[in-house]
Amino acid sequence: MGSSWHLVRSGEGEWNTFPWGEIAWLANAALGNSPEITFGRVVIRPGERNPTHRHGNCWELLYLVSGRLHHHFGEESTEMVPGDLAVVAPGVSHWATTVSDDDAVMVVVYSTGTREMEAL
């Protein structure tokens, strides 16, 4: 692994499992491979929802790879289908429910390597 680049192999990173799904953190400051960006993969199981939360210190990009989500952003909500990208400003509360028969799989990117998460 070079000092100016890092390769994260499939299955590596930090994996967190929850009753509603899982998050795999593949790059961030704590992992030592990305001081300024956080990158992860989120899975929400069919009929499940992740907790309402917000990130006060960063922008968030949510790219839906597969499945369908009903996603709430503050007082607004929308359905997301594969290929949709949501751009979420710092401090906006949000949560999502999978409304498909398959897992909803998202790629998430944060504008800091040390993202904060506040459960609401």
PDB file of N, CA and C in Angstrom:
ATOM      1  N   MET A   1       0.848  -1.176   0.000  1.00  0.00           N
ATOM      2  CA  MET A   1       0.000   0.000   0.000  1.00  0.00           C
ATOM      3  C   MET A   1       0.891   1.235   0.000  1.00  0.00           C
ATOM      4  N   GLY A   2       0.639   2.137  -0.922  1.00  0.00           N
ATOM      5  CA  GLY A   2       1.430   3.358  -1.016  1.00  0.00           C
ATOM      6  C   GLY A   2       0.975   4.403  -0.023  1.00  0.00           C
ATOM      7  N   SER A   3       1.818   5.395   0.228  1.00  0.00           N
ATOM      8  CA  SER A   3       1.464   6.442   1.184  1.00  0.00           C
ATOM      9  C   SER A   3       0.462   7.430   0.605  1.00  0.00           C
ATOM     10  N   SER A   4       0.344   7.500  -0.720  1.00  0.00           N
ATOM     11  CA  SER A   4      -0.606   8.441  -1.325  1.00  0.00           C
ATOM     12  C   SER A   4      -1.820   7.742  -1.914  1.00  0.00           C
ATOM     13  N   TRP A   5      -1.931   6.434  -1.723  1.00  0.00           N
ATOM     14  CA  TRP A   5      -3.118   5.704  -2.182  1.00  0.00           C
ATOM     15  C   TRP A   5      -3.307   4.460  -1.308  1.00  0.00           C
ATOM     16  N   HIS A   6      -4.550   3.987  -1.266  1.00  0.00           N
ATOM     17  CA  HIS A   6      -4.881   2.804  -0.464  1.00  0.00           C
ATOM     18  C   HIS A   6      -5.883   1.958  -1.239  1.00  0.00           C
ATOM     19  N   LEU A   7      -5.709   0.678  -1.201  1.00  0.00           N
ATOM     20  CA  LEU A   7      -6.655  -0.242  -1.799  1.00  0.00           C
ATOM     21  C   LEU A   7      -7.375  -0.981  -0.676  1.00  0.00           C
ATOM     22  N   VAL A   8      -8.693  -0.873  -0.654  1.00  0.00           N
ATOM     23  CA  VAL A   8      -9.503  -1.593   0.326  1.00  0.00           C
ATOM     24  C   VAL A   8     -10.145  -2.762  -0.416  1.00  0.00           C
ATOM     25  N   ARG A   9      -9.791  -3.960  -0.036  1.00  0.00           N
ATOM     26  CA  ARG A   9     -10.308  -5.156  -0.697  1.00  0.00           C
ATOM     27  C   ARG A   9     -11.707  -5.497  -0.185  1.00  0.00           C
ATOM     28  N   SER A  10     -12.453  -6.201  -1.022  1.00  0.00           N
ATOM     29  CA  SER A  10     -13.785  -6.659  -0.645  1.00  0.00           C
ATOM     30  C   SER A  10     -13.714  -7.410   0.685  1.00  0.00           C
ATOM     31  N   GLY A  11     -14.611  -7.069   1.597  1.00  0.00           N
ATOM     32  CA  GLY A  11     -14.634  -7.714   2.907  1.00  0.00           C
ATOM     33  C   GLY A  11     -13.799  -7.015   3.956  1.00  0.00           C
ATOM     34  N   GLU A  12     -12.951  -6.066   3.537  1.00  0.00           N
ATOM     35  CA  GLU A  12     -12.157  -5.311   4.506  1.00  0.00           C
ATOM     36  C   GLU A  12     -12.968  -4.120   5.009  1.00  0.00           C
ATOM     37  N   GLY A  13     -12.421  -3.400   5.929  1.00  0.00           N
ATOM     38  CA  GLY A  13     -13.094  -2.243   6.503  1.00  0.00           C
ATOM     39  C   GLY A  13     -13.679  -2.591   7.860  1.00  0.00           C
ATOM     40  N   GLU A  14     -14.548  -1.731   8.333  1.00  0.00           N
ATOM     41  CA  GLU A  14     -15.207  -1.920   9.628  1.00  0.00           C
ATOM     42  C   GLU A  14     -16.682  -2.192   9.373  1.00  0.00           C
ATOM     43  N   TRP A  15     -17.167  -3.354   9.804  1.00  0.00           N
ATOM     44  CA  TRP A  15     -18.548  -3.771   9.553  1.00  0.00           C
ATOM     45  C   TRP A  15     -19.361  -3.659  10.841  1.00  0.00           C
ATOM     46  N   ASN A  16     -20.506  -2.991  10.734  1.00  0.00           N
ATOM     47  CA  ASN A  16     -21.419  -2.838  11.862  1.00  0.00           C
ATOM     48  C   ASN A  16     -22.774  -3.416  11.479  1.00  0.00           C
ATOM     49  N   THR A  17     -23.317  -4.300  12.322  1.00  0.00           N
ATOM     50  CA  THR A  17     -24.614  -4.919  12.066  1.00  0.00           C
ATOM     51  C   THR A  17     -25.634  -4.381  13.059  1.00  0.00           C
ATOM     52  N   PHE A  18     -26.837  -4.090  12.555  1.00  0.00           N
ATOM     53  CA  PHE A  18     -27.936  -3.548  13.346  1.00  0.00           C
ATOM     54  C   PHE A  18     -29.189  -4.380  13.071  1.00  0.00           C
ATOM     55  N   PRO A  19     -30.228  -4.273  13.896  1.00  0.00           N
ATOM     56  CA  PRO A  19     -31.473  -5.004  13.616  1.00  0.00           C
ATOM     57  C   PRO A  19     -32.081  -4.645  12.254  1.00  0.00           C
ATOM     58  N   TRP A  20     -31.839  -3.438  11.766  1.00  0.00           N
ATOM     59  CA  TRP A  20     -32.421  -2.966  10.515  1.00  0.00           C
ATOM     60  C   TRP A  20     -31.537  -3.235   9.294  1.00  0.00           C
ATOM     61  N   GLY A  21     -30.248  -3.547   9.502  1.00  0.00           N
ATOM     62  CA  GLY A  21     -29.351  -3.743   8.364  1.00  0.00           C
ATOM     63  C   GLY A  21     -27.898  -3.701   8.779  1.00  0.00           C
ATOM     64  N   GLU A  22     -27.052  -3.114   7.928  1.00  0.00           N
ATOM     65  CA  GLU A  22     -25.625  -3.068   8.226  1.00  0.00           C
ATOM     66  C   GLU A  22     -24.966  -1.878   7.550  1.00  0.00           C
ATOM     67  N   ILE A  23     -23.818  -1.496   8.101  1.00  0.00           N
ATOM     68  CA  ILE A  23     -22.980  -0.464   7.506  1.00  0.00           C
ATOM     69  C   ILE A  23     -21.556  -1.013   7.442  1.00  0.00           C
ATOM     70  N   ALA A  24     -20.933  -0.855   6.294  1.00  0.00           N
ATOM     71  CA  ALA A  24     -19.520  -1.199   6.132  1.00  0.00           C
ATOM     72  C   ALA A  24     -18.767   0.095   5.879  1.00  0.00           C
ATOM     73  N   TRP A  25     -17.882   0.469   6.795  1.00  0.00           N
ATOM     74  CA  TRP A  25     -17.037   1.644   6.611  1.00  0.00           C
ATOM     75  C   TRP A  25     -15.764   1.197   5.914  1.00  0.00           C
ATOM     76  N   LEU A  26     -15.500   1.777   4.747  1.00  0.00           N
ATOM     77  CA  LEU A  26     -14.354   1.355   3.946  1.00  0.00           C
ATOM     78  C   LEU A  26     -13.225   2.379   3.933  1.00  0.00           C
ATOM     79  N   ALA A  27     -13.561   3.644   4.217  1.00  0.00           N
ATOM     80  CA  ALA A  27     -12.528   4.680   4.259  1.00  0.00           C
ATOM     81  C   ALA A  27     -12.969   5.776   5.224  1.00  0.00           C
ATOM     82  N   ASN A  28     -12.068   6.156   6.115  1.00  0.00           N
ATOM     83  CA  ASN A  28     -12.276   7.294   7.023  1.00  0.00           C
ATOM     84  C   ASN A  28     -10.992   7.500   7.823  1.00  0.00           C
ATOM     85  N   ALA A  29     -10.991   8.520   8.657  1.00  0.00           N
ATOM     86  CA  ALA A  29      -9.787   8.836   9.428  1.00  0.00           C
ATOM     87  C   ALA A  29      -9.455   7.732  10.430  1.00  0.00           C
ATOM     88  N   ALA A  30     -10.472   7.154  11.071  1.00  0.00           N
ATOM     89  CA  ALA A  30     -10.220   6.109  12.067  1.00  0.00           C
ATOM     90  C   ALA A  30      -9.576   4.870  11.445  1.00  0.00           C
ATOM     91  N   LEU A  31      -9.937   4.559  10.216  1.00  0.00           N
ATOM     92  CA  LEU A  31      -9.319   3.423   9.523  1.00  0.00           C
ATOM     93  C   LEU A  31      -7.909   3.758   9.050  1.00  0.00           C
ATOM     94  N   GLY A  32      -7.580   5.050   9.023  1.00  0.00           N
ATOM     95  CA  GLY A  32      -6.242   5.482   8.652  1.00  0.00           C
ATOM     96  C   GLY A  32      -6.001   5.614   7.162  1.00  0.00           C
ATOM     97  N   ASN A  33      -7.076   5.535   6.363  1.00  0.00           N
ATOM     98  CA  ASN A  33      -6.854   5.600   4.916  1.00  0.00           C
ATOM     99  C   ASN A  33      -7.490   6.805   4.239  1.00  0.00           C
ATOM    100  N   SER A  34      -8.199   7.660   5.007  1.00  0.00           N
ATOM    101  CA  SER A  34      -8.841   8.824   4.393  1.00  0.00           C
ATOM    102  C   SER A  34      -9.126   9.896   5.445  1.00  0.00           C
ATOM    103  N   PRO A  35      -8.213  10.835   5.628  1.00  0.00           N
ATOM    104  CA  PRO A  35      -8.404  11.846   6.668  1.00  0.00           C
ATOM    105  C   PRO A  35      -9.499  12.868   6.364  1.00  0.00           C
ATOM    106  N   GLU A  36      -9.889  13.012   5.098  1.00  0.00           N
ATOM    107  CA  GLU A  36     -10.823  14.081   4.738  1.00  0.00           C
ATOM    108  C   GLU A  36     -12.148  13.619   4.161  1.00  0.00           C
ATOM    109  N   ILE A  37     -12.329  12.320   3.936  1.00  0.00           N
ATOM    110  CA  ILE A  37     -13.565  11.791   3.360  1.00  0.00           C
ATOM    111  C   ILE A  37     -13.912  10.495   4.074  1.00  0.00           C
ATOM    112  N   THR A  38     -15.225  10.272   4.287  1.00  0.00           N
ATOM    113  CA  THR A  38     -15.711   8.983   4.784  1.00  0.00           C
ATOM    114  C   THR A  38     -16.501   8.326   3.668  1.00  0.00           C
ATOM    115  N   PHE A  39     -16.273   7.029   3.465  1.00  0.00           N
ATOM    116  CA  PHE A  39     -16.961   6.275   2.420  1.00  0.00           C
ATOM    117  C   PHE A  39     -17.478   4.984   3.025  1.00  0.00           C
ATOM    118  N   GLY A  40     -18.738   4.680   2.739  1.00  0.00           N
ATOM    119  CA  GLY A  40     -19.306   3.448   3.279  1.00  0.00           C
ATOM    120  C   GLY A  40     -20.385   2.863   2.395  1.00  0.00           C
ATOM    121  N   ARG A  41     -20.826   1.687   2.800  1.00  0.00           N
ATOM    122  CA  ARG A  41     -21.909   0.966   2.131  1.00  0.00           C
ATOM    123  C   ARG A  41     -22.946   0.652   3.192  1.00  0.00           C
ATOM    124  N   VAL A  42     -24.200   1.053   2.937  1.00  0.00           N
ATOM    125  CA  VAL A  42     -25.293   0.855   3.883  1.00  0.00           C
ATOM    126  C   VAL A  42     -26.315  -0.078   3.257  1.00  0.00           C
ATOM    127  N   VAL A  43     -26.800  -1.034   4.046  1.00  0.00           N
ATOM    128  CA  VAL A  43     -27.876  -1.923   3.628  1.00  0.00           C
ATOM    129  C   VAL A  43     -29.012  -1.783   4.624  1.00  0.00           C
ATOM    130  N   ILE A  44     -30.216  -1.511   4.100  1.00  0.00           N
ATOM    131  CA  ILE A  44     -31.421  -1.510   4.930  1.00  0.00           C
ATOM    132  C   ILE A  44     -32.296  -2.650   4.419  1.00  0.00           C
ATOM    133  N   ARG A  45     -32.654  -3.561   5.309  1.00  0.00           N
ATOM    134  CA  ARG A  45     -33.427  -4.743   4.927  1.00  0.00           C
ATOM    135  C   ARG A  45     -34.865  -4.378   4.557  1.00  0.00           C
ATOM    136  N   PRO A  46     -35.547  -5.218   3.781  1.00  0.00           N
ATOM    137  CA  PRO A  46     -36.937  -4.953   3.376  1.00  0.00           C
ATOM    138  C   PRO A  46     -37.853  -4.707   4.585  1.00  0.00           C
ATOM    139  N   GLY A  47     -38.631  -3.629   4.502  1.00  0.00           N
ATOM    140  CA  GLY A  47     -39.570  -3.283   5.568  1.00  0.00           C
ATOM    141  C   GLY A  47     -38.939  -2.639   6.781  1.00  0.00           C
ATOM    142  N   GLU A  48     -37.646  -2.487   6.803  1.00  0.00           N
ATOM    143  CA  GLU A  48     -36.939  -1.901   7.950  1.00  0.00           C
ATOM    144  C   GLU A  48     -36.597  -0.448   7.674  1.00  0.00           C
ATOM    145  N   ARG A  49     -36.265   0.270   8.754  1.00  0.00           N
ATOM    146  CA  ARG A  49     -35.825   1.662   8.630  1.00  0.00           C
ATOM    147  C   ARG A  49     -34.635   1.896   9.543  1.00  0.00           C
ATOM    148  N   ASN A  50     -33.781   2.794   9.100  1.00  0.00           N
ATOM    149  CA  ASN A  50     -32.663   3.175   9.959  1.00  0.00           C
ATOM    150  C   ASN A  50     -33.147   4.273  10.910  1.00  0.00           C
ATOM    151  N   PRO A  51     -32.441   4.508  12.002  1.00  0.00           N
ATOM    152  CA  PRO A  51     -32.877   5.517  12.972  1.00  0.00           C
ATOM    153  C   PRO A  51     -32.796   6.939  12.404  1.00  0.00           C
ATOM    154  N   THR A  52     -33.650   7.817  12.887  1.00  0.00           N
ATOM    155  CA  THR A  52     -33.571   9.234  12.544  1.00  0.00           C
ATOM    156  C   THR A  52     -32.267   9.783  13.109  1.00  0.00           C
ATOM    157  N   HIS A  53     -31.542  10.518  12.268  1.00  0.00           N
ATOM    158  CA  HIS A  53     -30.241  11.030  12.685  1.00  0.00           C
ATOM    159  C   HIS A  53     -29.867  12.237  11.826  1.00  0.00           C
ATOM    160  N   ARG A  54     -28.764  12.876  12.217  1.00  0.00           N
ATOM    161  CA  ARG A  54     -28.199  13.970  11.413  1.00  0.00           C
ATOM    162  C   ARG A  54     -26.696  14.017  11.626  1.00  0.00           C
ATOM    163  N   HIS A  55     -26.050  14.684  10.688  1.00  0.00           N
ATOM    164  CA  HIS A  55     -24.594  14.842  10.720  1.00  0.00           C
ATOM    165  C   HIS A  55     -24.306  16.339  10.733  1.00  0.00           C
ATOM    166  N   GLY A  56     -23.846  16.850  11.868  1.00  0.00           N
ATOM    167  CA  GLY A  56     -23.655  18.285  12.021  1.00  0.00           C
ATOM    168  C   GLY A  56     -22.382  18.835  11.420  1.00  0.00           C
ATOM    169  N   ASN A  57     -21.420  17.968  11.142  1.00  0.00           N
ATOM    170  CA  ASN A  57     -20.120  18.476  10.710  1.00  0.00           C
ATOM    171  C   ASN A  57     -19.791  18.181   9.251  1.00  0.00           C
ATOM    172  N   CYS A  58     -20.774  17.713   8.452  1.00  0.00           N
ATOM    173  CA  CYS A  58     -20.407  17.354   7.087  1.00  0.00           C
ATOM    174  C   CYS A  58     -21.622  17.252   6.161  1.00  0.00           C
ATOM    175  N   TRP A  59     -21.332  17.353   4.880  1.00  0.00           N
ATOM    176  CA  TRP A  59     -22.288  17.033   3.829  1.00  0.00           C
ATOM    177  C   TRP A  59     -22.314  15.521   3.682  1.00  0.00           C
ATOM    178  N   GLU A  60     -23.459  15.016   3.186  1.00  0.00           N
ATOM    179  CA  GLU A  60     -23.591  13.586   2.947  1.00  0.00           C
ATOM    180  C   GLU A  60     -24.152  13.354   1.549  1.00  0.00           C
ATOM    181  N   LEU A  61     -23.559  12.411   0.838  1.00  0.00           N
ATOM    182  CA  LEU A  61     -24.079  11.953  -0.447  1.00  0.00           C
ATOM    183  C   LEU A  61     -24.595  10.534  -0.256  1.00  0.00           C
ATOM    184  N   LEU A  62     -25.850  10.291  -0.680  1.00  0.00           N
ATOM    185  CA  LEU A  62     -26.456   8.962  -0.590  1.00  0.00           C
ATOM    186  C   LEU A  62     -26.802   8.510  -1.999  1.00  0.00           C
ATOM    187  N   TYR A  63     -26.141   7.482  -2.490  1.00  0.00           N
ATOM    188  CA  TYR A  63     -26.391   6.964  -3.830  1.00  0.00           C
ATOM    189  C   TYR A  63     -27.031   5.588  -3.687  1.00  0.00           C
ATOM    190  N   LEU A  64     -28.250   5.433  -4.209  1.00  0.00           N
ATOM    191  CA  LEU A  64     -28.950   4.160  -4.098  1.00  0.00           C
ATOM    192  C   LEU A  64     -28.535   3.236  -5.236  1.00  0.00           C
ATOM    193  N   VAL A  65     -27.936   2.111  -4.870  1.00  0.00           N
ATOM    194  CA  VAL A  65     -27.442   1.136  -5.839  1.00  0.00           C
ATOM    195  C   VAL A  65     -28.552   0.165  -6.230  1.00  0.00           C
ATOM    196  N   SER A  66     -29.309  -0.331  -5.242  1.00  0.00           N
ATOM    197  CA  SER A  66     -30.378  -1.282  -5.520  1.00  0.00           C
ATOM    198  C   SER A  66     -31.465  -1.171  -4.464  1.00  0.00           C
ATOM    199  N   GLY A  67     -32.652  -1.704  -4.790  1.00  0.00           N
ATOM    200  CA  GLY A  67     -33.802  -1.599  -3.895  1.00  0.00           C
ATOM    201  C   GLY A  67     -34.510  -0.266  -4.082  1.00  0.00           C
ATOM    202  N   ARG A  68     -35.528  -0.033  -3.251  1.00  0.00           N
ATOM    203  CA  ARG A  68     -36.255   1.243  -3.263  1.00  0.00           C
ATOM    204  C   ARG A  68     -36.402   1.722  -1.825  1.00  0.00           C
ATOM    205  N   LEU A  69     -36.272   3.023  -1.639  1.00  0.00           N
ATOM    206  CA  LEU A  69     -36.370   3.631  -0.314  1.00  0.00           C
ATOM    207  C   LEU A  69     -37.421   4.728  -0.294  1.00  0.00           C
ATOM    208  N   HIS A  70     -38.115   4.842   0.821  1.00  0.00           N
ATOM    209  CA  HIS A  70     -38.886   6.048   1.110  1.00  0.00           C
ATOM    210  C   HIS A  70     -38.014   6.805   2.103  1.00  0.00           C
ATOM    211  N   HIS A  71     -37.439   7.931   1.662  1.00  0.00           N
ATOM    212  CA  HIS A  71     -36.449   8.654   2.461  1.00  0.00           C
ATOM    213  C   HIS A  71     -37.033   9.976   2.939  1.00  0.00           C
ATOM    214  N   HIS A  72     -36.887  10.238   4.225  1.00  0.00           N
ATOM    215  CA  HIS A  72     -37.377  11.474   4.848  1.00  0.00           C
ATOM    216  C   HIS A  72     -36.192  12.386   5.118  1.00  0.00           C
ATOM    217  N   PHE A  73     -36.308  13.637   4.693  1.00  0.00           N
ATOM    218  CA  PHE A  73     -35.284  14.665   4.906  1.00  0.00           C
ATOM    219  C   PHE A  73     -35.962  15.826   5.596  1.00  0.00           C
ATOM    220  N   GLY A  74     -35.730  15.997   6.900  1.00  0.00           N
ATOM    221  CA  GLY A  74     -36.436  17.046   7.637  1.00  0.00           C
ATOM    222  C   GLY A  74     -37.931  16.808   7.545  1.00  0.00           C
ATOM    223  N   GLU A  75     -38.672  17.790   7.049  1.00  0.00           N
ATOM    224  CA  GLU A  75     -40.134  17.685   6.926  1.00  0.00           C
ATOM    225  C   GLU A  75     -40.568  17.150   5.560  1.00  0.00           C
ATOM    226  N   GLU A  76     -39.630  16.879   4.680  1.00  0.00           N
ATOM    227  CA  GLU A  76     -39.959  16.406   3.332  1.00  0.00           C
ATOM    228  C   GLU A  76     -39.609  14.933   3.182  1.00  0.00           C
ATOM    229  N   SER A  77     -40.218  14.282   2.193  1.00  0.00           N
ATOM    230  CA  SER A  77     -39.883  12.886   1.913  1.00  0.00           C
ATOM    231  C   SER A  77     -40.018  12.626   0.423  1.00  0.00           C
ATOM    232  N   THR A  78     -39.344  11.563  -0.023  1.00  0.00           N
ATOM    233  CA  THR A  78     -39.371  11.188  -1.426  1.00  0.00           C
ATOM    234  C   THR A  78     -39.062   9.718  -1.547  1.00  0.00           C
ATOM    235  N   GLU A  79     -39.452   9.126  -2.664  1.00  0.00           N
ATOM    236  CA  GLU A  79     -39.050   7.755  -2.942  1.00  0.00           C
ATOM    237  C   GLU A  79     -37.787   7.791  -3.780  1.00  0.00           C
ATOM    238  N   MET A  80     -36.842   6.935  -3.425  1.00  0.00           N
ATOM    239  CA  MET A  80     -35.595   6.827  -4.177  1.00  0.00           C
ATOM    240  C   MET A  80     -35.549   5.479  -4.870  1.00  0.00           C
ATOM    241  N   VAL A  81     -35.091   5.490  -6.118  1.00  0.00           N
ATOM    242  CA  VAL A  81     -34.920   4.264  -6.906  1.00  0.00           C
ATOM    243  C   VAL A  81     -33.453   4.163  -7.302  1.00  0.00           C
ATOM    244  N   PRO A  82     -33.005   2.982  -7.723  1.00  0.00           N
ATOM    245  CA  PRO A  82     -31.596   2.821  -8.079  1.00  0.00           C
ATOM    246  C   PRO A  82     -31.123   3.881  -9.073  1.00  0.00           C
ATOM    247  N   GLY A  83     -29.969   4.438  -8.770  1.00  0.00           N
ATOM    248  CA  GLY A  83     -29.392   5.502  -9.593  1.00  0.00           C
ATOM    249  C   GLY A  83     -29.650   6.889  -9.045  1.00  0.00           C
ATOM    250  N   ASP A  84     -30.572   7.019  -8.070  1.00  0.00           N
ATOM    251  CA  ASP A  84     -30.843   8.322  -7.454  1.00  0.00           C
ATOM    252  C   ASP A  84     -29.729   8.691  -6.481  1.00  0.00           C
ATOM    253  N   LEU A  85     -29.431   9.975  -6.415  1.00  0.00           N
ATOM    254  CA  LEU A  85     -28.437  10.515  -5.496  1.00  0.00           C
ATOM    255  C   LEU A  85     -29.087  11.604  -4.665  1.00  0.00           C
ATOM    256  N   ALA A  86     -29.008  11.492  -3.346  1.00  0.00           N
ATOM    257  CA  ALA A  86     -29.481  12.543  -2.448  1.00  0.00           C
ATOM    258  C   ALA A  86     -28.260  13.266  -1.883  1.00  0.00           C
ATOM    259  N   VAL A  87     -28.314  14.589  -1.890  1.00  0.00           N
ATOM    260  CA  VAL A  87     -27.259  15.423  -1.328  1.00  0.00           C
ATOM    261  C   VAL A  87     -27.847  16.084  -0.092  1.00  0.00           C
ATOM    262  N   VAL A  88     -27.282  15.802   1.082  1.00  0.00           N
ATOM    263  CA  VAL A  88     -27.853  16.236   2.350  1.00  0.00           C
ATOM    264  C   VAL A  88     -26.901  17.214   3.032  1.00  0.00           C
ATOM    265  N   ALA A  89     -27.408  18.401   3.333  1.00  0.00           N
ATOM    266  CA  ALA A  89     -26.606  19.439   3.989  1.00  0.00           C
ATOM    267  C   ALA A  89     -26.361  19.090   5.459  1.00  0.00           C
ATOM    268  N   PRO A  90     -25.312  19.645   6.047  1.00  0.00           N
ATOM    269  CA  PRO A  90     -25.054  19.416   7.467  1.00  0.00           C
ATOM    270  C   PRO A  90     -26.266  19.811   8.311  1.00  0.00           C
ATOM    271  N   GLY A  91     -26.569  18.985   9.311  1.00  0.00           N
ATOM    272  CA  GLY A  91     -27.629  19.301  10.254  1.00  0.00           C
ATOM    273  C   GLY A  91     -29.025  18.880   9.854  1.00  0.00           C
ATOM    274  N   VAL A  92     -29.236  18.382   8.638  1.00  0.00           N
ATOM    275  CA  VAL A  92     -30.574  17.965   8.200  1.00  0.00           C
ATOM    276  C   VAL A  92     -30.856  16.564   8.741  1.00  0.00           C
ATOM    277  N   SER A  93     -31.958  16.430   9.490  1.00  0.00           N
ATOM    278  CA  SER A  93     -32.319  15.110  10.002  1.00  0.00           C
ATOM    279  C   SER A  93     -32.879  14.265   8.863  1.00  0.00           C
ATOM    280  N   HIS A  94     -32.605  12.961   8.926  1.00  0.00           N
ATOM    281  CA  HIS A  94     -33.119  12.076   7.881  1.00  0.00           C
ATOM    282  C   HIS A  94     -33.159  10.641   8.357  1.00  0.00           C
ATOM    283  N   TRP A  95     -33.977   9.839   7.661  1.00  0.00           N
ATOM    284  CA  TRP A  95     -34.088   8.401   7.872  1.00  0.00           C
ATOM    285  C   TRP A  95     -34.779   7.803   6.667  1.00  0.00           C
ATOM    286  N   ALA A  96     -34.646   6.483   6.499  1.00  0.00           N
ATOM    287  CA  ALA A  96     -35.211   5.835   5.316  1.00  0.00           C
ATOM    288  C   ALA A  96     -35.809   4.487   5.677  1.00  0.00           C
ATOM    289  N   THR A  97     -36.835   4.108   4.918  1.00  0.00           N
ATOM    290  CA  THR A  97     -37.473   2.796   5.025  1.00  0.00           C
ATOM    291  C   THR A  97     -37.358   2.100   3.679  1.00  0.00           C
ATOM    292  N   THR A  98     -36.976   0.834   3.679  1.00  0.00           N
ATOM    293  CA  THR A  98     -36.939   0.069   2.442  1.00  0.00           C
ATOM    294  C   THR A  98     -38.363  -0.338   2.076  1.00  0.00           C
ATOM    295  N   VAL A  99     -38.774   0.008   0.853  1.00  0.00           N
ATOM    296  CA  VAL A  99     -40.132  -0.281   0.387  1.00  0.00           C
ATOM    297  C   VAL A  99     -40.117  -1.288  -0.769  1.00  0.00           C
ATOM    298  N   SER A 100     -39.025  -1.999  -0.935  1.00  0.00           N
ATOM    299  CA  SER A 100     -38.927  -3.039  -1.953  1.00  0.00           C
ATOM    300  C   SER A 100     -38.810  -4.387  -1.254  1.00  0.00           C
ATOM    301  N   ASP A 101     -38.959  -5.454  -2.023  1.00  0.00           N
ATOM    302  CA  ASP A 101     -38.827  -6.800  -1.479  1.00  0.00           C
ATOM    303  C   ASP A 101     -37.370  -7.210  -1.304  1.00  0.00           C
ATOM    304  N   ASP A 102     -36.471  -6.421  -1.829  1.00  0.00           N
ATOM    305  CA  ASP A 102     -35.036  -6.681  -1.720  1.00  0.00           C
ATOM    306  C   ASP A 102     -34.384  -5.645  -0.817  1.00  0.00           C
ATOM    307  N   ASP A 103     -33.188  -5.949  -0.361  1.00  0.00           N
ATOM    308  CA  ASP A 103     -32.418  -4.972   0.412  1.00  0.00           C
ATOM    309  C   ASP A 103     -32.251  -3.686  -0.382  1.00  0.00           C
ATOM    310  N   ALA A 104     -32.250  -2.565   0.327  1.00  0.00           N
ATOM    311  CA  ALA A 104     -31.831  -1.292  -0.269  1.00  0.00           C
ATOM    312  C   ALA A 104     -30.344  -1.150   0.037  1.00  0.00           C
ATOM    313  N   VAL A 105     -29.550  -0.993  -1.000  1.00  0.00           N
ATOM    314  CA  VAL A 105     -28.104  -0.881  -0.853  1.00  0.00           C
ATOM    315  C   VAL A 105     -27.691   0.508  -1.304  1.00  0.00           C
ATOM    316  N   MET A 106     -27.013   1.241  -0.425  1.00  0.00           N
ATOM    317  CA  MET A 106     -26.574   2.601  -0.714  1.00  0.00           C
ATOM    318  C   MET A 106     -25.072   2.721  -0.548  1.00  0.00           C
ATOM    319  N   VAL A 107     -24.485   3.602  -1.335  1.00  0.00           N
ATOM    320  CA  VAL A 107     -23.127   4.071  -1.114  1.00  0.00           C
ATOM    321  C   VAL A 107     -23.275   5.427  -0.441  1.00  0.00           C
ATOM    322  N   VAL A 108     -22.537   5.648   0.649  1.00  0.00           N
ATOM    323  CA  VAL A 108     -22.595   6.922   1.358  1.00  0.00           C
ATOM    324  C   VAL A 108     -21.208   7.540   1.398  1.00  0.00           C
ATOM    325  N   VAL A 109     -21.169   8.852   1.193  1.00  0.00           N
ATOM    326  CA  VAL A 109     -19.909   9.596   1.221  1.00  0.00           C
ATOM    327  C   VAL A 109     -20.136  10.842   2.067  1.00  0.00           C
ATOM    328  N   TYR A 110     -19.195  11.124   2.957  1.00  0.00           N
ATOM    329  CA  TYR A 110     -19.260  12.302   3.827  1.00  0.00           C
ATOM    330  C   TYR A 110     -18.042  13.177   3.568  1.00  0.00           C
ATOM    331  N   SER A 111     -18.227  14.474   3.703  1.00  0.00           N
ATOM    332  CA  SER A 111     -17.176  15.440   3.372  1.00  0.00           C
ATOM    333  C   SER A 111     -16.134  15.623   4.476  1.00  0.00           C
ATOM    334  N   THR A 112     -16.002  14.626   5.328  1.00  0.00           N
ATOM    335  CA  THR A 112     -14.981  14.645   6.369  1.00  0.00           C
ATOM    336  C   THR A 112     -14.578  13.205   6.689  1.00  0.00           C
ATOM    337  N   GLY A 113     -13.384  13.033   7.137  1.00  0.00           N
ATOM    338  CA  GLY A 113     -12.935  11.711   7.555  1.00  0.00           C
ATOM    339  C   GLY A 113     -13.379  11.354   8.957  1.00  0.00           C
ATOM    340  N   THR A 114     -13.961  12.331   9.669  1.00  0.00           N
ATOM    341  CA  THR A 114     -14.405  12.132  11.050  1.00  0.00           C
ATOM    342  C   THR A 114     -15.862  12.553  11.204  1.00  0.00           C
ATOM    343  N   ARG A 115     -16.751  11.891  10.505  1.00  0.00           N
ATOM    344  CA  ARG A 115     -18.163  12.280  10.512  1.00  0.00           C
ATOM    345  C   ARG A 115     -18.758  12.117  11.901  1.00  0.00           C
ATOM    346  N   GLU A 116     -19.588  13.086  12.255  1.00  0.00           N
ATOM    347  CA  GLU A 116     -20.353  13.019  13.500  1.00  0.00           C
ATOM    348  C   GLU A 116     -21.745  12.520  13.160  1.00  0.00           C
ATOM    349  N   MET A 117     -22.346  11.751  14.070  1.00  0.00           N
ATOM    350  CA  MET A 117     -23.705  11.263  13.881  1.00  0.00           C
ATOM    351  C   MET A 117     -24.469  11.457  15.173  1.00  0.00           C
ATOM    352  N   GLU A 118     -25.569  12.195  15.088  1.00  0.00           N
ATOM    353  CA  GLU A 118     -26.416  12.433  16.246  1.00  0.00           C
ATOM    354  C   GLU A 118     -27.739  11.717  16.041  1.00  0.00           C
ATOM    355  N   ALA A 119     -28.030  10.749  16.897  1.00  0.00           N
ATOM    356  CA  ALA A 119     -29.320  10.051  16.841  1.00  0.00           C
ATOM    357  C   ALA A 119     -30.394  10.982  17.398  1.00  0.00           C
ATOM    358  N   LEU A 120     -31.547  10.990  16.745  1.00  0.00           N
ATOM    359  CA  LEU A 120     -32.642  11.873  17.182  1.00  0.00           C
ATOM    360  C   LEU A 120     -33.850  11.061  17.611  1.00  0.00           C
TER     361      LEU A 120
END
